[in-house]
mmCIF file of all heavy atoms, coordinates in Angstrom:
data_MODEL
# 
_entry.id   MODEL 
# 
loop_
_atom_site.group_PDB 
_atom_site.id 
_atom_site.type_symbol 
_atom_site.label_atom_id 
_atom_site.label_alt_id 
_atom_site.label_comp_id 
_atom_site.label_asym_id 
_atom_site.label_entity_id 
_atom_site.label_seq_id 
_atom_site.pdbx_PDB_ins_code 
_atom_site.Cartn_x 
_atom_site.Cartn_y 
_atom_site.Cartn_z 
_atom_site.occupancy 
_atom_site.B_iso_or_equiv 
_atom_site.pdbx_formal_charge 
_atom_site.auth_seq_id 
_atom_site.auth_comp_id 
_atom_site.auth_asym_id 
_atom_site.auth_atom_id 
_atom_site.pdbx_PDB_model_num 
ATOM 1   N N   . ALA A 1 1  ? 171.966 147.033 181.866 1.00 0.00 ? 1  ALA A N   1 
ATOM 2   C CA  . ALA A 1 1  ? 172.214 148.471 181.972 1.00 0.00 ? 1  ALA A CA  1 
ATOM 3   C C   . ALA A 1 1  ? 171.617 149.187 180.775 1.00 0.00 ? 1  ALA A C   1 
ATOM 4   O O   . ALA A 1 1  ? 171.939 148.859 179.629 1.00 0.00 ? 1  ALA A O   1 
ATOM 5   C CB  . ALA A 1 1  ? 173.714 148.741 182.057 1.00 0.00 ? 1  ALA A CB  1 
ATOM 6   N N   . SER A 1 2  ? 170.767 150.163 181.026 1.00 0.00 ? 2  SER A N   1 
ATOM 7   C CA  . SER A 1 2  ? 170.026 150.806 179.944 1.00 0.00 ? 2  SER A CA  1 
ATOM 8   C C   . SER A 1 2  ? 170.144 152.318 179.936 1.00 0.00 ? 2  SER A C   1 
ATOM 9   O O   . SER A 1 2  ? 170.131 152.964 180.988 1.00 0.00 ? 2  SER A O   1 
ATOM 10  C CB  . SER A 1 2  ? 168.538 150.436 180.047 1.00 0.00 ? 2  SER A CB  1 
ATOM 11  O OG  . SER A 1 2  ? 168.366 149.045 180.035 1.00 0.00 ? 2  SER A OG  1 
ATOM 12  N N   . THR A 1 3  ? 170.238 152.859 178.749 1.00 0.00 ? 3  THR A N   1 
ATOM 13  C CA  . THR A 1 3  ? 170.142 154.285 178.495 1.00 0.00 ? 3  THR A CA  1 
ATOM 14  C C   . THR A 1 3  ? 170.019 154.444 176.985 1.00 0.00 ? 3  THR A C   1 
ATOM 15  O O   . THR A 1 3  ? 169.945 153.446 176.257 1.00 0.00 ? 3  THR A O   1 
ATOM 16  C CB  . THR A 1 3  ? 171.350 155.060 179.042 1.00 0.00 ? 3  THR A CB  1 
ATOM 17  O OG1 . THR A 1 3  ? 171.133 156.472 178.844 1.00 0.00 ? 3  THR A OG1 1 
ATOM 18  C CG2 . THR A 1 3  ? 172.643 154.666 178.357 1.00 0.00 ? 3  THR A CG2 1 
ATOM 19  N N   . PHE A 1 4  ? 169.977 155.675 176.494 1.00 0.00 ? 4  PHE A N   1 
ATOM 20  C CA  . PHE A 1 4  ? 169.929 155.883 175.046 1.00 0.00 ? 4  PHE A CA  1 
ATOM 21  C C   . PHE A 1 4  ? 171.232 155.390 174.426 1.00 0.00 ? 4  PHE A C   1 
ATOM 22  O O   . PHE A 1 4  ? 172.317 155.485 175.033 1.00 0.00 ? 4  PHE A O   1 
ATOM 23  C CB  . PHE A 1 4  ? 169.734 157.357 174.724 1.00 0.00 ? 4  PHE A CB  1 
ATOM 24  C CG  . PHE A 1 4  ? 168.369 157.903 175.067 1.00 0.00 ? 4  PHE A CG  1 
ATOM 25  C CD1 . PHE A 1 4  ? 167.390 157.121 175.645 1.00 0.00 ? 4  PHE A CD1 1 
ATOM 26  C CD2 . PHE A 1 4  ? 168.072 159.239 174.811 1.00 0.00 ? 4  PHE A CD2 1 
ATOM 27  C CE1 . PHE A 1 4  ? 166.135 157.630 175.958 1.00 0.00 ? 4  PHE A CE1 1 
ATOM 28  C CE2 . PHE A 1 4  ? 166.823 159.764 175.117 1.00 0.00 ? 4  PHE A CE2 1 
ATOM 29  C CZ  . PHE A 1 4  ? 165.855 158.959 175.692 1.00 0.00 ? 4  PHE A CZ  1 
ATOM 30  N N   . ALA A 1 5  ? 171.150 154.904 173.210 1.00 0.00 ? 5  ALA A N   1 
ATOM 31  C CA  . ALA A 1 5  ? 172.319 154.341 172.524 1.00 0.00 ? 5  ALA A CA  1 
ATOM 32  C C   . ALA A 1 5  ? 173.470 155.331 172.418 1.00 0.00 ? 5  ALA A C   1 
ATOM 33  O O   . ALA A 1 5  ? 174.634 154.957 172.530 1.00 0.00 ? 5  ALA A O   1 
ATOM 34  C CB  . ALA A 1 5  ? 171.921 153.848 171.129 1.00 0.00 ? 5  ALA A CB  1 
ATOM 35  N N   . VAL A 1 6  ? 173.157 156.606 172.221 1.00 0.00 ? 6  VAL A N   1 
ATOM 36  C CA  . VAL A 1 6  ? 174.220 157.600 172.071 1.00 0.00 ? 6  VAL A CA  1 
ATOM 37  C C   . VAL A 1 6  ? 175.049 157.725 173.342 1.00 0.00 ? 6  VAL A C   1 
ATOM 38  O O   . VAL A 1 6  ? 176.256 157.988 173.286 1.00 0.00 ? 6  VAL A O   1 
ATOM 39  C CB  . VAL A 1 6  ? 173.632 158.970 171.652 1.00 0.00 ? 6  VAL A CB  1 
ATOM 40  C CG1 . VAL A 1 6  ? 172.815 159.603 172.774 1.00 0.00 ? 6  VAL A CG1 1 
ATOM 41  C CG2 . VAL A 1 6  ? 174.733 159.908 171.168 1.00 0.00 ? 6  VAL A CG2 1 
ATOM 42  N N   . PHE A 1 7  ? 174.422 157.499 174.488 1.00 0.00 ? 7  PHE A N   1 
ATOM 43  C CA  . PHE A 1 7  ? 175.138 157.558 175.759 1.00 0.00 ? 7  PHE A CA  1 
ATOM 44  C C   . PHE A 1 7  ? 175.755 156.205 176.116 1.00 0.00 ? 7  PHE A C   1 
ATOM 45  O O   . PHE A 1 7  ? 176.864 156.146 176.664 1.00 0.00 ? 7  PHE A O   1 
ATOM 46  C CB  . PHE A 1 7  ? 174.198 157.998 176.878 1.00 0.00 ? 7  PHE A CB  1 
ATOM 47  C CG  . PHE A 1 7  ? 173.494 159.286 176.609 1.00 0.00 ? 7  PHE A CG  1 
ATOM 48  C CD1 . PHE A 1 7  ? 172.116 159.407 176.752 1.00 0.00 ? 7  PHE A CD1 1 
ATOM 49  C CD2 . PHE A 1 7  ? 174.199 160.405 176.189 1.00 0.00 ? 7  PHE A CD2 1 
ATOM 50  C CE1 . PHE A 1 7  ? 171.467 160.600 176.500 1.00 0.00 ? 7  PHE A CE1 1 
ATOM 51  C CE2 . PHE A 1 7  ? 173.551 161.610 175.929 1.00 0.00 ? 7  PHE A CE2 1 
ATOM 52  C CZ  . PHE A 1 7  ? 172.182 161.705 176.084 1.00 0.00 ? 7  PHE A CZ  1 
ATOM 53  N N   . ALA A 1 8  ? 175.038 155.140 175.813 1.00 0.00 ? 8  ALA A N   1 
ATOM 54  C CA  . ALA A 1 8  ? 175.529 153.803 176.162 1.00 0.00 ? 8  ALA A CA  1 
ATOM 55  C C   . ALA A 1 8  ? 176.793 153.460 175.387 1.00 0.00 ? 8  ALA A C   1 
ATOM 56  O O   . ALA A 1 8  ? 177.826 153.125 175.971 1.00 0.00 ? 8  ALA A O   1 
ATOM 57  C CB  . ALA A 1 8  ? 174.441 152.761 175.893 1.00 0.00 ? 8  ALA A CB  1 
ATOM 58  N N   . ALA A 1 9  ? 176.711 153.551 174.062 1.00 0.00 ? 9  ALA A N   1 
ATOM 59  C CA  . ALA A 1 9  ? 177.849 153.163 173.227 1.00 0.00 ? 9  ALA A CA  1 
ATOM 60  C C   . ALA A 1 9  ? 178.882 154.270 173.094 1.00 0.00 ? 9  ALA A C   1 
ATOM 61  O O   . ALA A 1 9  ? 180.065 153.997 172.909 1.00 0.00 ? 9  ALA A O   1 
ATOM 62  C CB  . ALA A 1 9  ? 177.355 152.757 171.839 1.00 0.00 ? 9  ALA A CB  1 
ATOM 63  N N   . GLY A 1 10 ? 178.432 155.516 173.202 1.00 0.00 ? 10 GLY A N   1 
ATOM 64  C CA  . GLY A 1 10 ? 179.333 156.641 172.990 1.00 0.00 ? 10 GLY A CA  1 
ATOM 65  C C   . GLY A 1 10 ? 179.996 157.140 174.254 1.00 0.00 ? 10 GLY A C   1 
ATOM 66  O O   . GLY A 1 10 ? 181.212 157.027 174.432 1.00 0.00 ? 10 GLY A O   1 
ATOM 67  N N   . ARG A 1 11 ? 179.211 157.652 175.160 1.00 0.00 ? 11 ARG A N   1 
ATOM 68  C CA  . ARG A 1 11 ? 179.767 158.258 176.376 1.00 0.00 ? 11 ARG A CA  1 
ATOM 69  C C   . ARG A 1 11 ? 180.470 157.234 177.264 1.00 0.00 ? 11 ARG A C   1 
ATOM 70  O O   . ARG A 1 11 ? 181.466 157.539 177.924 1.00 0.00 ? 11 ARG A O   1 
ATOM 71  C CB  . ARG A 1 11 ? 178.652 158.959 177.152 1.00 0.00 ? 11 ARG A CB  1 
ATOM 72  C CG  . ARG A 1 11 ? 179.120 159.703 178.383 1.00 0.00 ? 11 ARG A CG  1 
ATOM 73  C CD  . ARG A 1 11 ? 177.997 160.544 178.948 1.00 0.00 ? 11 ARG A CD  1 
ATOM 74  N NE  . ARG A 1 11 ? 177.625 161.643 178.051 1.00 0.00 ? 11 ARG A NE  1 
ATOM 75  C CZ  . ARG A 1 11 ? 176.513 162.368 178.195 1.00 0.00 ? 11 ARG A CZ  1 
ATOM 76  N NH1 . ARG A 1 11 ? 175.671 162.101 179.174 1.00 0.00 ? 11 ARG A NH1 1 
ATOM 77  N NH2 . ARG A 1 11 ? 176.244 163.346 177.346 1.00 0.00 ? 11 ARG A NH2 1 
ATOM 78  N N   . ALA A 1 12 ? 179.965 156.012 177.270 1.00 0.00 ? 12 ALA A N   1 
ATOM 79  C CA  . ALA A 1 12 ? 180.525 155.001 178.169 1.00 0.00 ? 12 ALA A CA  1 
ATOM 80  C C   . ALA A 1 12 ? 181.416 153.995 177.444 1.00 0.00 ? 12 ALA A C   1 
ATOM 81  O O   . ALA A 1 12 ? 181.700 152.916 177.974 1.00 0.00 ? 12 ALA A O   1 
ATOM 82  C CB  . ALA A 1 12 ? 179.390 154.265 178.883 1.00 0.00 ? 12 ALA A CB  1 
ATOM 83  N N   . TYR A 1 13 ? 181.905 154.349 176.270 1.00 0.00 ? 13 TYR A N   1 
ATOM 84  C CA  . TYR A 1 13 ? 182.695 153.400 175.476 1.00 0.00 ? 13 TYR A CA  1 
ATOM 85  C C   . TYR A 1 13 ? 183.924 152.897 176.241 1.00 0.00 ? 13 TYR A C   1 
ATOM 86  O O   . TYR A 1 13 ? 184.226 151.703 176.237 1.00 0.00 ? 13 TYR A O   1 
ATOM 87  C CB  . TYR A 1 13 ? 183.131 154.033 174.159 1.00 0.00 ? 13 TYR A CB  1 
ATOM 88  C CG  . TYR A 1 13 ? 183.968 153.108 173.303 1.00 0.00 ? 13 TYR A CG  1 
ATOM 89  C CD1 . TYR A 1 13 ? 183.363 152.139 172.512 1.00 0.00 ? 13 TYR A CD1 1 
ATOM 90  C CD2 . TYR A 1 13 ? 185.355 153.189 173.298 1.00 0.00 ? 13 TYR A CD2 1 
ATOM 91  C CE1 . TYR A 1 13 ? 184.117 151.269 171.744 1.00 0.00 ? 13 TYR A CE1 1 
ATOM 92  C CE2 . TYR A 1 13 ? 186.122 152.319 172.532 1.00 0.00 ? 13 TYR A CE2 1 
ATOM 93  C CZ  . TYR A 1 13 ? 185.498 151.364 171.756 1.00 0.00 ? 13 TYR A CZ  1 
ATOM 94  O OH  . TYR A 1 13 ? 186.251 150.511 171.002 1.00 0.00 ? 13 TYR A OH  1 
ATOM 95  N N   . ASP A 1 14 ? 184.638 153.792 176.886 1.00 0.00 ? 14 ASP A N   1 
ATOM 96  C CA  . ASP A 1 14 ? 185.858 153.398 177.590 1.00 0.00 ? 14 ASP A CA  1 
ATOM 97  C C   . ASP A 1 14 ? 185.565 152.369 178.677 1.00 0.00 ? 14 ASP A C   1 
ATOM 98  O O   . ASP A 1 14 ? 186.297 151.392 178.850 1.00 0.00 ? 14 ASP A O   1 
ATOM 99  C CB  . ASP A 1 14 ? 186.532 154.633 178.199 1.00 0.00 ? 14 ASP A CB  1 
ATOM 100 C CG  . ASP A 1 14 ? 187.819 154.288 178.925 1.00 0.00 ? 14 ASP A CG  1 
ATOM 101 O OD1 . ASP A 1 14 ? 188.758 153.812 178.272 1.00 0.00 ? 14 ASP A OD1 1 
ATOM 102 O OD2 . ASP A 1 14 ? 187.883 154.500 180.148 1.00 0.00 ? 14 ASP A OD2 1 
ATOM 103 N N   . GLN A 1 15 ? 184.474 152.589 179.408 1.00 0.00 ? 15 GLN A N   1 
ATOM 104 C CA  . GLN A 1 15 ? 184.117 151.660 180.479 1.00 0.00 ? 15 GLN A CA  1 
ATOM 105 C C   . GLN A 1 15 ? 183.661 150.316 179.906 1.00 0.00 ? 15 GLN A C   1 
ATOM 106 O O   . GLN A 1 15 ? 183.950 149.261 180.489 1.00 0.00 ? 15 GLN A O   1 
ATOM 107 C CB  . GLN A 1 15 ? 183.015 152.270 181.351 1.00 0.00 ? 15 GLN A CB  1 
ATOM 108 C CG  . GLN A 1 15 ? 183.484 153.373 182.277 1.00 0.00 ? 15 GLN A CG  1 
ATOM 109 C CD  . GLN A 1 15 ? 183.894 154.649 181.540 1.00 0.00 ? 15 GLN A CD  1 
ATOM 110 O OE1 . GLN A 1 15 ? 183.345 154.969 180.475 1.00 0.00 ? 15 GLN A OE1 1 
ATOM 111 N NE2 . GLN A 1 15 ? 184.843 155.381 182.101 1.00 0.00 ? 15 GLN A NE2 1 
ATOM 112 N N   . ILE A 1 16 ? 182.938 150.360 178.788 1.00 0.00 ? 16 ILE A N   1 
ATOM 113 C CA  . ILE A 1 16 ? 182.524 149.105 178.152 1.00 0.00 ? 16 ILE A CA  1 
ATOM 114 C C   . ILE A 1 16 ? 183.749 148.325 177.690 1.00 0.00 ? 16 ILE A C   1 
ATOM 115 O O   . ILE A 1 16 ? 183.857 147.119 177.895 1.00 0.00 ? 16 ILE A O   1 
ATOM 116 C CB  . ILE A 1 16 ? 181.586 149.382 176.959 1.00 0.00 ? 16 ILE A CB  1 
ATOM 117 C CG1 . ILE A 1 16 ? 180.266 149.977 177.451 1.00 0.00 ? 16 ILE A CG1 1 
ATOM 118 C CG2 . ILE A 1 16 ? 181.327 148.100 176.166 1.00 0.00 ? 16 ILE A CG2 1 
ATOM 119 C CD1 . ILE A 1 16 ? 179.359 150.464 176.337 1.00 0.00 ? 16 ILE A CD1 1 
ATOM 120 N N   . ARG A 1 17 ? 184.689 149.039 177.093 1.00 0.00 ? 17 ARG A N   1 
ATOM 121 C CA  . ARG A 1 17 ? 185.889 148.379 176.567 1.00 0.00 ? 17 ARG A CA  1 
ATOM 122 C C   . ARG A 1 17 ? 186.743 147.774 177.683 1.00 0.00 ? 17 ARG A C   1 
ATOM 123 O O   . ARG A 1 17 ? 187.103 146.589 177.633 1.00 0.00 ? 17 ARG A O   1 
ATOM 124 C CB  . ARG A 1 17 ? 186.727 149.380 175.772 1.00 0.00 ? 17 ARG A CB  1 
ATOM 125 C CG  . ARG A 1 17 ? 187.989 148.796 175.154 1.00 0.00 ? 17 ARG A CG  1 
ATOM 126 C CD  . ARG A 1 17 ? 188.818 149.874 174.472 1.00 0.00 ? 17 ARG A CD  1 
ATOM 127 N NE  . ARG A 1 17 ? 189.932 149.299 173.737 1.00 0.00 ? 17 ARG A NE  1 
ATOM 128 C CZ  . ARG A 1 17 ? 191.124 149.010 174.256 1.00 0.00 ? 17 ARG A CZ  1 
ATOM 129 N NH1 . ARG A 1 17 ? 191.352 149.238 175.555 1.00 0.00 ? 17 ARG A NH1 1 
ATOM 130 N NH2 . ARG A 1 17 ? 192.079 148.475 173.510 1.00 0.00 ? 17 ARG A NH2 1 
ATOM 131 N N   . ASN A 1 18 ? 187.078 148.592 178.671 1.00 0.00 ? 18 ASN A N   1 
ATOM 132 C CA  . ASN A 1 18 ? 188.063 148.183 179.665 1.00 0.00 ? 18 ASN A CA  1 
ATOM 133 C C   . ASN A 1 18 ? 187.493 147.515 180.915 1.00 0.00 ? 18 ASN A C   1 
ATOM 134 O O   . ASN A 1 18 ? 188.174 146.706 181.554 1.00 0.00 ? 18 ASN A O   1 
ATOM 135 C CB  . ASN A 1 18 ? 188.912 149.389 180.075 1.00 0.00 ? 18 ASN A CB  1 
ATOM 136 C CG  . ASN A 1 18 ? 189.782 149.881 178.929 1.00 0.00 ? 18 ASN A CG  1 
ATOM 137 O OD1 . ASN A 1 18 ? 190.369 149.083 178.215 1.00 0.00 ? 18 ASN A OD1 1 
ATOM 138 N ND2 . ASN A 1 18 ? 189.849 151.185 178.742 1.00 0.00 ? 18 ASN A ND2 1 
ATOM 139 N N   . SER A 1 19 ? 186.261 147.869 181.266 1.00 0.00 ? 19 SER A N   1 
ATOM 140 C CA  . SER A 1 19 ? 185.683 147.309 182.495 1.00 0.00 ? 19 SER A CA  1 
ATOM 141 C C   . SER A 1 19 ? 184.721 146.158 182.247 1.00 0.00 ? 19 SER A C   1 
ATOM 142 O O   . SER A 1 19 ? 184.414 145.399 183.164 1.00 0.00 ? 19 SER A O   1 
ATOM 143 C CB  . SER A 1 19 ? 184.960 148.412 183.289 1.00 0.00 ? 19 SER A CB  1 
ATOM 144 O OG  . SER A 1 19 ? 185.866 149.422 183.681 1.00 0.00 ? 19 SER A OG  1 
ATOM 145 N N   . VAL A 1 20 ? 184.222 146.035 180.999 1.00 0.00 ? 20 VAL A N   1 
ATOM 146 C CA  . VAL A 1 20 ? 183.261 144.971 180.691 1.00 0.00 ? 20 VAL A CA  1 
ATOM 147 C C   . VAL A 1 20 ? 183.847 143.952 179.716 1.00 0.00 ? 20 VAL A C   1 
ATOM 148 O O   . VAL A 1 20 ? 183.907 142.758 180.017 1.00 0.00 ? 20 VAL A O   1 
ATOM 149 C CB  . VAL A 1 20 ? 181.949 145.560 180.122 1.00 0.00 ? 20 VAL A CB  1 
ATOM 150 C CG1 . VAL A 1 20 ? 181.000 144.431 179.689 1.00 0.00 ? 20 VAL A CG1 1 
ATOM 151 C CG2 . VAL A 1 20 ? 181.266 146.440 181.160 1.00 0.00 ? 20 VAL A CG2 1 
ATOM 152 N N   . CYS A 1 21 ? 184.295 144.420 178.548 1.00 0.00 ? 21 CYS A N   1 
ATOM 153 C CA  . CYS A 1 21 ? 184.746 143.480 177.518 1.00 0.00 ? 21 CYS A CA  1 
ATOM 154 C C   . CYS A 1 21 ? 186.115 142.874 177.818 1.00 0.00 ? 21 CYS A C   1 
ATOM 155 O O   . CYS A 1 21 ? 186.332 141.679 177.601 1.00 0.00 ? 21 CYS A O   1 
ATOM 156 C CB  . CYS A 1 21 ? 184.757 144.162 176.153 1.00 0.00 ? 21 CYS A CB  1 
ATOM 157 S SG  . CYS A 1 21 ? 183.100 144.437 175.490 1.00 0.00 ? 21 CYS A SG  1 
ATOM 158 N N   . TYR A 1 22 ? 187.045 143.682 178.282 1.00 0.00 ? 22 TYR A N   1 
ATOM 159 C CA  . TYR A 1 22 ? 188.392 143.166 178.544 1.00 0.00 ? 22 TYR A CA  1 
ATOM 160 C C   . TYR A 1 22 ? 188.371 142.027 179.571 1.00 0.00 ? 22 TYR A C   1 
ATOM 161 O O   . TYR A 1 22 ? 188.965 140.957 179.347 1.00 0.00 ? 22 TYR A O   1 
ATOM 162 C CB  . TYR A 1 22 ? 189.316 144.308 178.992 1.00 0.00 ? 22 TYR A CB  1 
ATOM 163 C CG  . TYR A 1 22 ? 190.740 143.877 179.243 1.00 0.00 ? 22 TYR A CG  1 
ATOM 164 C CD1 . TYR A 1 22 ? 191.514 143.318 178.230 1.00 0.00 ? 22 TYR A CD1 1 
ATOM 165 C CD2 . TYR A 1 22 ? 191.309 144.022 180.506 1.00 0.00 ? 22 TYR A CD2 1 
ATOM 166 C CE1 . TYR A 1 22 ? 192.817 142.909 178.475 1.00 0.00 ? 22 TYR A CE1 1 
ATOM 167 C CE2 . TYR A 1 22 ? 192.608 143.618 180.755 1.00 0.00 ? 22 TYR A CE2 1 
ATOM 168 C CZ  . TYR A 1 22 ? 193.362 143.064 179.725 1.00 0.00 ? 22 TYR A CZ  1 
ATOM 169 O OH  . TYR A 1 22 ? 194.645 142.660 179.975 1.00 0.00 ? 22 TYR A OH  1 
ATOM 170 N N   . PRO A 1 23 ? 187.666 142.181 180.695 1.00 0.00 ? 23 PRO A N   1 
ATOM 171 C CA  . PRO A 1 23 ? 187.582 141.064 181.649 1.00 0.00 ? 23 PRO A CA  1 
ATOM 172 C C   . PRO A 1 23 ? 186.442 140.089 181.328 1.00 0.00 ? 23 PRO A C   1 
ATOM 173 O O   . PRO A 1 23 ? 186.223 139.124 182.071 1.00 0.00 ? 23 PRO A O   1 
ATOM 174 C CB  . PRO A 1 23 ? 187.328 141.764 182.987 1.00 0.00 ? 23 PRO A CB  1 
ATOM 175 C CG  . PRO A 1 23 ? 186.632 143.019 182.627 1.00 0.00 ? 23 PRO A CG  1 
ATOM 176 C CD  . PRO A 1 23 ? 187.147 143.443 181.284 1.00 0.00 ? 23 PRO A CD  1 
ATOM 177 N N   . LYS A 1 24 ? 185.727 140.349 180.234 1.00 0.00 ? 24 LYS A N   1 
ATOM 178 C CA  . LYS A 1 24 ? 184.609 139.506 179.781 1.00 0.00 ? 24 LYS A CA  1 
ATOM 179 C C   . LYS A 1 24 ? 183.586 139.294 180.888 1.00 0.00 ? 24 LYS A C   1 
ATOM 180 O O   . LYS A 1 24 ? 183.253 138.169 181.257 1.00 0.00 ? 24 LYS A O   1 
ATOM 181 C CB  . LYS A 1 24 ? 185.110 138.155 179.256 1.00 0.00 ? 24 LYS A CB  1 
ATOM 182 C CG  . LYS A 1 24 ? 184.088 137.421 178.397 1.00 0.00 ? 24 LYS A CG  1 
ATOM 183 C CD  . LYS A 1 24 ? 184.620 136.103 177.850 1.00 0.00 ? 24 LYS A CD  1 
ATOM 184 C CE  . LYS A 1 24 ? 183.570 135.402 177.025 1.00 0.00 ? 24 LYS A CE  1 
ATOM 185 N NZ  . LYS A 1 24 ? 184.061 134.092 176.486 1.00 0.00 ? 24 LYS A NZ  1 
ATOM 186 N N   . LEU A 1 25 ? 183.060 140.408 181.390 1.00 0.00 ? 25 LEU A N   1 
ATOM 187 C CA  . LEU A 1 25 ? 182.078 140.334 182.459 1.00 0.00 ? 25 LEU A CA  1 
ATOM 188 C C   . LEU A 1 25 ? 180.660 140.222 181.916 1.00 0.00 ? 25 LEU A C   1 
ATOM 189 O O   . LEU A 1 25 ? 180.361 140.645 180.795 1.00 0.00 ? 25 LEU A O   1 
ATOM 190 C CB  . LEU A 1 25 ? 182.220 141.544 183.374 1.00 0.00 ? 25 LEU A CB  1 
ATOM 191 C CG  . LEU A 1 25 ? 183.520 141.597 184.182 1.00 0.00 ? 25 LEU A CG  1 
ATOM 192 C CD1 . LEU A 1 25 ? 183.581 142.858 185.030 1.00 0.00 ? 25 LEU A CD1 1 
ATOM 193 C CD2 . LEU A 1 25 ? 183.690 140.358 185.050 1.00 0.00 ? 25 LEU A CD2 1 
ATOM 194 N N   . ASN A 1 26 ? 179.797 139.694 182.740 1.00 0.00 ? 26 ASN A N   1 
ATOM 195 C CA  . ASN A 1 26 ? 178.446 139.333 182.323 1.00 0.00 ? 26 ASN A CA  1 
ATOM 196 C C   . ASN A 1 26 ? 177.483 140.528 182.420 1.00 0.00 ? 26 ASN A C   1 
ATOM 197 O O   . ASN A 1 26 ? 176.534 140.517 183.210 1.00 0.00 ? 26 ASN A O   1 
ATOM 198 C CB  . ASN A 1 26 ? 177.944 138.177 183.181 1.00 0.00 ? 26 ASN A CB  1 
ATOM 199 C CG  . ASN A 1 26 ? 176.753 137.477 182.572 1.00 0.00 ? 26 ASN A CG  1 
ATOM 200 O OD1 . ASN A 1 26 ? 176.523 137.535 181.367 1.00 0.00 ? 26 ASN A OD1 1 
ATOM 201 N ND2 . ASN A 1 26 ? 175.995 136.800 183.412 1.00 0.00 ? 26 ASN A ND2 1 
ATOM 202 N N   . VAL A 1 27 ? 177.737 141.545 181.602 1.00 0.00 ? 27 VAL A N   1 
ATOM 203 C CA  . VAL A 1 27 ? 176.921 142.764 181.600 1.00 0.00 ? 27 VAL A CA  1 
ATOM 204 C C   . VAL A 1 27 ? 176.135 142.856 180.295 1.00 0.00 ? 27 VAL A C   1 
ATOM 205 O O   . VAL A 1 27 ? 176.702 142.707 179.209 1.00 0.00 ? 27 VAL A O   1 
ATOM 206 C CB  . VAL A 1 27 ? 177.797 144.023 181.761 1.00 0.00 ? 27 VAL A CB  1 
ATOM 207 C CG1 . VAL A 1 27 ? 176.948 145.284 181.701 1.00 0.00 ? 27 VAL A CG1 1 
ATOM 208 C CG2 . VAL A 1 27 ? 178.570 143.955 183.078 1.00 0.00 ? 27 VAL A CG2 1 
ATOM 209 N N   . LYS A 1 28 ? 174.843 143.123 180.409 1.00 0.00 ? 28 LYS A N   1 
ATOM 210 C CA  . LYS A 1 28 ? 173.983 143.279 179.239 1.00 0.00 ? 28 LYS A CA  1 
ATOM 211 C C   . LYS A 1 28 ? 173.665 144.768 179.058 1.00 0.00 ? 28 LYS A C   1 
ATOM 212 O O   . LYS A 1 28 ? 172.996 145.375 179.895 1.00 0.00 ? 28 LYS A O   1 
ATOM 213 C CB  . LYS A 1 28 ? 172.689 142.492 179.411 1.00 0.00 ? 28 LYS A CB  1 
ATOM 214 C CG  . LYS A 1 28 ? 172.862 141.085 179.991 1.00 0.00 ? 28 LYS A CG  1 
ATOM 215 C CD  . LYS A 1 28 ? 173.869 140.238 179.248 1.00 0.00 ? 28 LYS A CD  1 
ATOM 216 C CE  . LYS A 1 28 ? 174.099 138.910 179.973 1.00 0.00 ? 28 LYS A CE  1 
ATOM 217 N NZ  . LYS A 1 28 ? 175.161 138.105 179.340 1.00 0.00 ? 28 LYS A NZ  1 
ATOM 218 N N   . ILE A 1 29 ? 174.180 145.344 177.980 1.00 0.00 ? 29 ILE A N   1 
ATOM 219 C CA  . ILE A 1 29 ? 173.969 146.758 177.701 1.00 0.00 ? 29 ILE A CA  1 
ATOM 220 C C   . ILE A 1 29 ? 172.815 146.868 176.716 1.00 0.00 ? 29 ILE A C   1 
ATOM 221 O O   . ILE A 1 29 ? 172.928 146.467 175.558 1.00 0.00 ? 29 ILE A O   1 
ATOM 222 C CB  . ILE A 1 29 ? 175.247 147.398 177.138 1.00 0.00 ? 29 ILE A CB  1 
ATOM 223 C CG1 . ILE A 1 29 ? 176.388 147.253 178.150 1.00 0.00 ? 29 ILE A CG1 1 
ATOM 224 C CG2 . ILE A 1 29 ? 175.024 148.875 176.799 1.00 0.00 ? 29 ILE A CG2 1 
ATOM 225 C CD1 . ILE A 1 29 ? 177.755 147.323 177.537 1.00 0.00 ? 29 ILE A CD1 1 
# 
């Protein structure tokens, strides 16, 4: 999944935390 860092890490932080990292899913940001 690609976009500018400000949007990837910033705008989508909640989804990265709860939808990707918490269930430890195989997503490459």
